[in-house]
Every structure is written in structure tokens, then in C-alpha cells.
Amino acid sequence: EEFVARVRAEQGLPAFSAGRRARREVVEA
């Protein structure tokens, strides 16, 4: 997981946010 975190950081991408998928599904419904 640390390797993935390093790739994410080097790409300048935001961290994973738990619960985001549930929010998306509620909004889409």
C-alpha cells in the first residue's frame, strides 16, 4: 500500500476518501 501511496503522491493526486462511493450512488439515484 505504501508503494501505491507514493505513486499517488508523485502524481499529485488526492488521497482515497472512504464513503465517497456511497455518496455518489445516493446522488445518482
PDB file of all heavy atoms in Angstrom:
ATOM      1  N   GLU A   1       0.824  -1.208   0.000  1.00  0.00           N
ATOM      2  CA  GLU A   1       0.000   0.000   0.000  1.00  0.00           C
ATOM      3  C   GLU A   1       0.861   1.262   0.000  1.00  0.00           C
ATOM      4  O   GLU A   1       0.485   2.276  -0.602  1.00  0.00           O
ATOM      5  CB  GLU A   1      -0.932   0.009   1.215  1.00  0.00           C
ATOM      6  CG  GLU A   1      -2.064  -0.991   1.099  1.00  0.00           C
ATOM      7  CD  GLU A   1      -3.004  -0.943   2.284  1.00  0.00           C
ATOM      8  OE1 GLU A   1      -3.307   0.166   2.786  1.00  0.00           O
ATOM      9  OE2 GLU A   1      -3.448  -2.030   2.704  1.00  0.00           O
ATOM     10  N   GLU A   2       2.000   1.216   0.649  1.00  0.00           N
ATOM     11  CA  GLU A   2       2.894   2.373   0.694  1.00  0.00           C
ATOM     12  C   GLU A   2       3.387   2.747  -0.704  1.00  0.00           C
ATOM     13  O   GLU A   2       3.591   3.913  -1.019  1.00  0.00           O
ATOM     14  CB  GLU A   2       4.093   2.106   1.618  1.00  0.00           C
ATOM     15  CG  GLU A   2       3.726   1.974   3.083  1.00  0.00           C
ATOM     16  CD  GLU A   2       3.099   0.611   3.439  1.00  0.00           C
ATOM     17  OE1 GLU A   2       3.269  -0.383   2.683  1.00  0.00           O
ATOM     18  OE2 GLU A   2       2.428   0.545   4.478  1.00  0.00           O
ATOM     19  N   PHE A   3       3.578   1.718  -1.546  1.00  0.00           N
ATOM     20  CA  PHE A   3       4.004   1.972  -2.924  1.00  0.00           C
ATOM     21  C   PHE A   3       2.905   2.720  -3.680  1.00  0.00           C
ATOM     22  O   PHE A   3       3.169   3.695  -4.392  1.00  0.00           O
ATOM     23  CB  PHE A   3       4.343   0.653  -3.629  1.00  0.00           C
ATOM     24  CG  PHE A   3       4.826   0.834  -5.043  1.00  0.00           C
ATOM     25  CD1 PHE A   3       6.108   1.297  -5.307  1.00  0.00           C
ATOM     26  CD2 PHE A   3       3.995   0.546  -6.122  1.00  0.00           C
ATOM     27  CE1 PHE A   3       6.555   1.466  -6.606  1.00  0.00           C
ATOM     28  CE2 PHE A   3       4.431   0.718  -7.424  1.00  0.00           C
ATOM     29  CZ  PHE A   3       5.713   1.182  -7.670  1.00  0.00           C
ATOM     30  N   VAL A   4       1.652   2.286  -3.506  1.00  0.00           N
ATOM     31  CA  VAL A   4       0.518   2.960  -4.158  1.00  0.00           C
ATOM     32  C   VAL A   4       0.428   4.399  -3.661  1.00  0.00           C
ATOM     33  O   VAL A   4       0.227   5.325  -4.450  1.00  0.00           O
ATOM     34  CB  VAL A   4      -0.807   2.208  -3.910  1.00  0.00           C
ATOM     35  CG1 VAL A   4      -1.985   2.979  -4.497  1.00  0.00           C
ATOM     36  CG2 VAL A   4      -0.744   0.801  -4.472  1.00  0.00           C
ATOM     37  N   ALA A   5       0.582   4.595  -2.360  1.00  0.00           N
ATOM     38  CA  ALA A   5       0.527   5.943  -1.785  1.00  0.00           C
ATOM     39  C   ALA A   5       1.612   6.828  -2.385  1.00  0.00           C
ATOM     40  O   ALA A   5       1.378   8.011  -2.661  1.00  0.00           O
ATOM     41  CB  ALA A   5       0.660   5.875  -0.270  1.00  0.00           C
ATOM     42  N   ARG A   6       2.804   6.263  -2.608  1.00  0.00           N
ATOM     43  CA  ARG A   6       3.900   7.032  -3.207  1.00  0.00           C
ATOM     44  C   ARG A   6       3.567   7.429  -4.645  1.00  0.00           C
ATOM     45  O   ARG A   6       3.791   8.570  -5.063  1.00  0.00           O
ATOM     46  CB  ARG A   6       5.207   6.233  -3.164  1.00  0.00           C
ATOM     47  CG  ARG A   6       6.406   7.113  -3.549  1.00  0.00           C
ATOM     48  CD  ARG A   6       7.701   6.362  -3.517  1.00  0.00           C
ATOM     49  NE  ARG A   6       7.871   5.757  -4.837  1.00  0.00           N
ATOM     50  CZ  ARG A   6       8.448   4.601  -5.073  1.00  0.00           C
ATOM     51  NH1 ARG A   6       8.928   3.892  -4.090  1.00  0.00           N
ATOM     52  NH2 ARG A   6       8.565   4.149  -6.296  1.00  0.00           N
ATOM     53  N   VAL A   7       3.003   6.480  -5.422  1.00  0.00           N
ATOM     54  CA  VAL A   7       2.604   6.785  -6.805  1.00  0.00           C
ATOM     55  C   VAL A   7       1.575   7.911  -6.795  1.00  0.00           C
ATOM     56  O   VAL A   7       1.668   8.878  -7.551  1.00  0.00           O
ATOM     57  CB  VAL A   7       2.031   5.538  -7.521  1.00  0.00           C
ATOM     58  CG1 VAL A   7       1.466   5.905  -8.885  1.00  0.00           C
ATOM     59  CG2 VAL A   7       3.090   4.450  -7.632  1.00  0.00           C
ATOM     60  N   ARG A   8       0.586   7.785  -5.923  1.00  0.00           N
ATOM     61  CA  ARG A   8      -0.474   8.801  -5.819  1.00  0.00           C
ATOM     62  C   ARG A   8       0.125  10.173  -5.499  1.00  0.00           C
ATOM     63  O   ARG A   8      -0.207  11.164  -6.136  1.00  0.00           O
ATOM     64  CB  ARG A   8      -1.448   8.366  -4.719  1.00  0.00           C
ATOM     65  CG  ARG A   8      -2.671   9.221  -4.587  1.00  0.00           C
ATOM     66  CD  ARG A   8      -3.513   8.810  -3.377  1.00  0.00           C
ATOM     67  NE  ARG A   8      -4.071   7.485  -3.448  1.00  0.00           N
ATOM     68  CZ  ARG A   8      -5.240   7.176  -3.994  1.00  0.00           C
ATOM     69  NH1 ARG A   8      -5.968   8.119  -4.552  1.00  0.00           N
ATOM     70  NH2 ARG A   8      -5.677   5.933  -3.990  1.00  0.00           N
ATOM     71  N   ALA A   9       1.030  10.211  -4.529  1.00  0.00           N
ATOM     72  CA  ALA A   9       1.651  11.474  -4.132  1.00  0.00           C
ATOM     73  C   ALA A   9       2.502  12.055  -5.258  1.00  0.00           C
ATOM     74  O   ALA A   9       2.442  13.260  -5.534  1.00  0.00           O
ATOM     75  CB  ALA A   9       2.500  11.271  -2.882  1.00  0.00           C
ATOM     76  N   GLU A  10       3.282  11.218  -5.930  1.00  0.00           N
ATOM     77  CA  GLU A  10       4.138  11.694  -7.021  1.00  0.00           C
ATOM     78  C   GLU A  10       3.322  12.198  -8.213  1.00  0.00           C
ATOM     79  O   GLU A  10       3.776  13.066  -8.948  1.00  0.00           O
ATOM     80  CB  GLU A  10       5.092  10.589  -7.461  1.00  0.00           C
ATOM     81  CG  GLU A  10       6.183  10.319  -6.443  1.00  0.00           C
ATOM     82  CD  GLU A  10       7.087   9.150  -6.830  1.00  0.00           C
ATOM     83  OE1 GLU A  10       6.919   8.574  -7.925  1.00  0.00           O
ATOM     84  OE2 GLU A  10       7.974   8.822  -6.015  1.00  0.00           O
ATOM     85  N   GLN A  11       2.116  11.657  -8.387  1.00  0.00           N
ATOM     86  CA  GLN A  11       1.237  12.106  -9.467  1.00  0.00           C
ATOM     87  C   GLN A  11       0.439  13.343  -9.050  1.00  0.00           C
ATOM     88  O   GLN A  11      -0.316  13.893  -9.845  1.00  0.00           O
ATOM     89  CB  GLN A  11       0.278  10.982  -9.882  1.00  0.00           C
ATOM     90  CG  GLN A  11       0.962   9.754 -10.444  1.00  0.00           C
ATOM     91  CD  GLN A  11       1.625  10.032 -11.777  1.00  0.00           C
ATOM     92  OE1 GLN A  11       1.054  10.674 -12.645  1.00  0.00           O
ATOM     93  NE2 GLN A  11       2.838   9.549 -11.935  1.00  0.00           N
ATOM     94  N   GLY A  12       0.558  13.755  -7.791  1.00  0.00           N
ATOM     95  CA  GLY A  12      -0.158  14.925  -7.296  1.00  0.00           C
ATOM     96  C   GLY A  12      -1.656  14.690  -7.167  1.00  0.00           C
ATOM     97  O   GLY A  12      -2.452  15.618  -7.319  1.00  0.00           O
ATOM     98  N   LEU A  13      -2.042  13.451  -6.871  1.00  0.00           N
ATOM     99  CA  LEU A  13      -3.456  13.090  -6.801  1.00  0.00           C
ATOM    100  C   LEU A  13      -3.946  13.058  -5.365  1.00  0.00           C
ATOM    101  O   LEU A  13      -3.176  12.792  -4.450  1.00  0.00           O
ATOM    102  CB  LEU A  13      -3.673  11.732  -7.468  1.00  0.00           C
ATOM    103  CG  LEU A  13      -3.341  11.695  -8.963  1.00  0.00           C
ATOM    104  CD1 LEU A  13      -3.361  10.268  -9.475  1.00  0.00           C
ATOM    105  CD2 LEU A  13      -4.307  12.573  -9.738  1.00  0.00           C
ATOM    106  N   PRO A  14      -5.266  13.306  -5.161  1.00  0.00           N
ATOM    107  CA  PRO A  14      -5.803  13.318  -3.805  1.00  0.00           C
ATOM    108  C   PRO A  14      -5.851  11.923  -3.192  1.00  0.00           C
ATOM    109  O   PRO A  14      -5.886  10.923  -3.905  1.00  0.00           O
ATOM    110  CB  PRO A  14      -7.224  13.868  -3.996  1.00  0.00           C
ATOM    111  CG  PRO A  14      -7.576  13.525  -5.396  1.00  0.00           C
ATOM    112  CD  PRO A  14      -6.286  13.606  -6.170  1.00  0.00           C
ATOM    113  N   ALA A  15      -5.881  11.876  -1.891  1.00  0.00           N
ATOM    114  CA  ALA A  15      -5.959  10.614  -1.161  1.00  0.00           C
ATOM    115  C   ALA A  15      -7.340   9.989  -1.324  1.00  0.00           C
ATOM    116  O   ALA A  15      -8.317  10.669  -1.637  1.00  0.00           O
ATOM    117  CB  ALA A  15      -5.668  10.854   0.315  1.00  0.00           C
ATOM    118  N   PHE A  16      -7.398   8.690  -1.117  1.00  0.00           N
ATOM    119  CA  PHE A  16      -8.655   7.954  -1.134  1.00  0.00           C
ATOM    120  C   PHE A  16      -9.556   8.475  -0.019  1.00  0.00           C
ATOM    121  O   PHE A  16      -9.099   8.774   1.070  1.00  0.00           O
ATOM    122  CB  PHE A  16      -8.370   6.465  -0.930  1.00  0.00           C
ATOM    123  CG  PHE A  16      -9.587   5.634  -0.648  1.00  0.00           C
ATOM    124  CD1 PHE A  16     -10.521   5.400  -1.645  1.00  0.00           C
ATOM    125  CD2 PHE A  16      -9.806   5.091   0.603  1.00  0.00           C
ATOM    126  CE1 PHE A  16     -11.638   4.630  -1.401  1.00  0.00           C
ATOM    127  CE2 PHE A  16     -10.913   4.321   0.853  1.00  0.00           C
ATOM    128  CZ  PHE A  16     -11.840   4.092  -0.141  1.00  0.00           C
ATOM    129  N   SER A  17     -10.857   8.590  -0.301  1.00  0.00           N
ATOM    130  CA  SER A  17     -11.823   9.070   0.677  1.00  0.00           C
ATOM    131  C   SER A  17     -12.912   8.029   0.862  1.00  0.00           C
ATOM    132  O   SER A  17     -13.782   7.876   0.012  1.00  0.00           O
ATOM    133  CB  SER A  17     -12.424  10.394   0.190  1.00  0.00           C
ATOM    134  OG  SER A  17     -13.420  10.830   1.069  1.00  0.00           O
ATOM    135  N   ALA A  18     -12.854   7.286   1.966  1.00  0.00           N
ATOM    136  CA  ALA A  18     -13.840   6.235   2.231  1.00  0.00           C
ATOM    137  C   ALA A  18     -15.239   6.834   2.302  1.00  0.00           C
ATOM    138  O   ALA A  18     -15.433   7.936   2.792  1.00  0.00           O
ATOM    139  CB  ALA A  18     -13.513   5.537   3.544  1.00  0.00           C
ATOM    140  N   GLY A  19     -16.208   6.117   1.804  1.00  0.00           N
ATOM    141  CA  GLY A  19     -17.588   6.576   1.832  1.00  0.00           C
ATOM    142  C   GLY A  19     -17.999   7.391   0.625  1.00  0.00           C
ATOM    143  O   GLY A  19     -19.155   7.716   0.436  1.00  0.00           O
ATOM    144  N   ARG A  20     -17.078   7.737  -0.221  1.00  0.00           N
ATOM    145  CA  ARG A  20     -17.371   8.555  -1.386  1.00  0.00           C
ATOM    146  C   ARG A  20     -18.265   7.810  -2.375  1.00  0.00           C
ATOM    147  O   ARG A  20     -19.155   8.385  -2.989  1.00  0.00           O
ATOM    148  CB  ARG A  20     -16.062   8.952  -2.052  1.00  0.00           C
ATOM    149  CG  ARG A  20     -16.217  10.029  -3.061  1.00  0.00           C
ATOM    150  CD  ARG A  20     -14.880  10.692  -3.312  1.00  0.00           C
ATOM    151  NE  ARG A  20     -15.017  11.607  -4.394  1.00  0.00           N
ATOM    152  CZ  ARG A  20     -15.520  12.820  -4.281  1.00  0.00           C
ATOM    153  NH1 ARG A  20     -15.899  13.265  -3.134  1.00  0.00           N
ATOM    154  NH2 ARG A  20     -15.630  13.593  -5.334  1.00  0.00           N
ATOM    155  N   ARG A  21     -18.060   6.500  -2.535  1.00  0.00           N
ATOM    156  CA  ARG A  21     -18.867   5.714  -3.460  1.00  0.00           C
ATOM    157  C   ARG A  21     -20.330   5.718  -3.029  1.00  0.00           C
ATOM    158  O   ARG A  21     -21.226   5.873  -3.837  1.00  0.00           O
ATOM    159  CB  ARG A  21     -18.328   4.285  -3.551  1.00  0.00           C
ATOM    160  CG  ARG A  21     -19.138   3.427  -4.491  1.00  0.00           C
ATOM    161  CD  ARG A  21     -18.393   2.202  -4.905  1.00  0.00           C
ATOM    162  NE  ARG A  21     -17.285   2.632  -5.740  1.00  0.00           N
ATOM    163  CZ  ARG A  21     -16.147   1.989  -5.856  1.00  0.00           C
ATOM    164  NH1 ARG A  21     -15.951   0.883  -5.206  1.00  0.00           N
ATOM    165  NH2 ARG A  21     -15.185   2.431  -6.625  1.00  0.00           N
ATOM    166  N   ALA A  22     -20.599   5.586  -1.723  1.00  0.00           N
ATOM    167  CA  ALA A  22     -21.972   5.609  -1.225  1.00  0.00           C
ATOM    168  C   ALA A  22     -22.621   6.954  -1.530  1.00  0.00           C
ATOM    169  O   ALA A  22     -23.775   7.016  -1.940  1.00  0.00           O
ATOM    170  CB  ALA A  22     -21.997   5.328   0.271  1.00  0.00           C
ATOM    171  N   ARG A  23     -21.879   8.038  -1.356  1.00  0.00           N
ATOM    172  CA  ARG A  23     -22.402   9.370  -1.655  1.00  0.00           C
ATOM    173  C   ARG A  23     -22.769   9.457  -3.124  1.00  0.00           C
ATOM    174  O   ARG A  23     -23.833   9.933  -3.484  1.00  0.00           O
ATOM    175  CB  ARG A  23     -21.364  10.439  -1.302  1.00  0.00           C
ATOM    176  CG  ARG A  23     -21.838  11.837  -1.666  1.00  0.00           C
ATOM    177  CD  ARG A  23     -20.690  12.856  -1.568  1.00  0.00           C
ATOM    178  NE  ARG A  23     -21.133  14.187  -1.856  1.00  0.00           N
ATOM    179  CZ  ARG A  23     -21.311  14.663  -3.090  1.00  0.00           C
ATOM    180  NH1 ARG A  23     -21.090  13.903  -4.134  1.00  0.00           N
ATOM    181  NH2 ARG A  23     -21.721  15.893  -3.291  1.00  0.00           N
ATOM    182  N   ARG A  24     -21.878   8.999  -4.000  1.00  0.00           N
ATOM    183  CA  ARG A  24     -22.130   9.052  -5.437  1.00  0.00           C
ATOM    184  C   ARG A  24     -23.396   8.283  -5.793  1.00  0.00           C
ATOM    185  O   ARG A  24     -24.216   8.746  -6.579  1.00  0.00           O
ATOM    186  CB  ARG A  24     -20.937   8.503  -6.203  1.00  0.00           C
ATOM    187  CG  ARG A  24     -21.101   8.657  -7.719  1.00  0.00           C
ATOM    188  CD  ARG A  24     -20.014   7.959  -8.490  1.00  0.00           C
ATOM    189  NE  ARG A  24     -20.251   6.530  -8.408  1.00  0.00           N
ATOM    190  CZ  ARG A  24     -19.307   5.612  -8.347  1.00  0.00           C
ATOM    191  NH1 ARG A  24     -18.047   5.957  -8.354  1.00  0.00           N
ATOM    192  NH2 ARG A  24     -19.605   4.334  -8.273  1.00  0.00           N
ATOM    193  N   GLU A  25     -23.564   7.095  -5.213  1.00  0.00           N
ATOM    194  CA  GLU A  25     -24.741   6.285  -5.517  1.00  0.00           C
ATOM    195  C   GLU A  25     -26.029   6.960  -5.063  1.00  0.00           C
ATOM    196  O   GLU A  25     -27.037   6.914  -5.770  1.00  0.00           O
ATOM    197  CB  GLU A  25     -24.592   4.901  -4.885  1.00  0.00           C
ATOM    198  CG  GLU A  25     -23.525   4.074  -5.597  1.00  0.00           C
ATOM    199  CD  GLU A  25     -23.151   2.798  -4.863  1.00  0.00           C
ATOM    200  OE1 GLU A  25     -23.725   2.527  -3.783  1.00  0.00           O
ATOM    201  OE2 GLU A  25     -22.272   2.083  -5.380  1.00  0.00           O
ATOM    202  N   VAL A  26     -26.020   7.622  -3.905  1.00  0.00           N
ATOM    203  CA  VAL A  26     -27.204   8.335  -3.413  1.00  0.00           C
ATOM    204  C   VAL A  26     -27.534   9.497  -4.341  1.00  0.00           C
ATOM    205  O   VAL A  26     -28.692   9.702  -4.716  1.00  0.00           O
ATOM    206  CB  VAL A  26     -26.981   8.834  -1.960  1.00  0.00           C
ATOM    207  CG1 VAL A  26     -28.042   9.836  -1.545  1.00  0.00           C
ATOM    208  CG2 VAL A  26     -26.936   7.662  -0.999  1.00  0.00           C
ATOM    209  N   VAL A  27     -26.522  10.256  -4.739  1.00  0.00           N
ATOM    210  CA  VAL A  27     -26.733  11.408  -5.618  1.00  0.00           C
ATOM    211  C   VAL A  27     -27.248  10.947  -6.980  1.00  0.00           C
ATOM    212  O   VAL A  27     -28.187  11.531  -7.531  1.00  0.00           O
ATOM    213  CB  VAL A  27     -25.428  12.235  -5.755  1.00  0.00           C
ATOM    214  CG1 VAL A  27     -25.559  13.296  -6.837  1.00  0.00           C
ATOM    215  CG2 VAL A  27     -25.070  12.873  -4.420  1.00  0.00           C
ATOM    216  N   GLU A  28     -26.669   9.889  -7.541  1.00  0.00           N
ATOM    217  CA  GLU A  28     -27.119   9.393  -8.842  1.00  0.00           C
ATOM    218  C   GLU A  28     -28.550   8.866  -8.776  1.00  0.00           C
ATOM    219  O   GLU A  28     -29.341   9.085  -9.695  1.00  0.00           O
ATOM    220  CB  GLU A  28     -26.157   8.326  -9.360  1.00  0.00           C
ATOM    221  CG  GLU A  28     -24.828   8.913  -9.781  1.00  0.00           C
ATOM    222  CD  GLU A  28     -23.819   7.886 -10.254  1.00  0.00           C
ATOM    223  OE1 GLU A  28     -24.151   6.677 -10.313  1.00  0.00           O
ATOM    224  OE2 GLU A  28     -22.687   8.286 -10.572  1.00  0.00           O
ATOM    225  N   ALA A  29     -28.922   8.197  -7.692  1.00  0.00           N
ATOM    226  CA  ALA A  29     -30.295   7.705  -7.538  1.00  0.00           C
ATOM    227  C   ALA A  29     -31.274   8.875  -7.456  1.00  0.00           C
ATOM    228  O   ALA A  29     -32.360   8.833  -8.054  1.00  0.00           O
ATOM    229  CB  ALA A  29     -30.407   6.825  -6.299  1.00  0.00           C
TER     230      ALA A  29
END
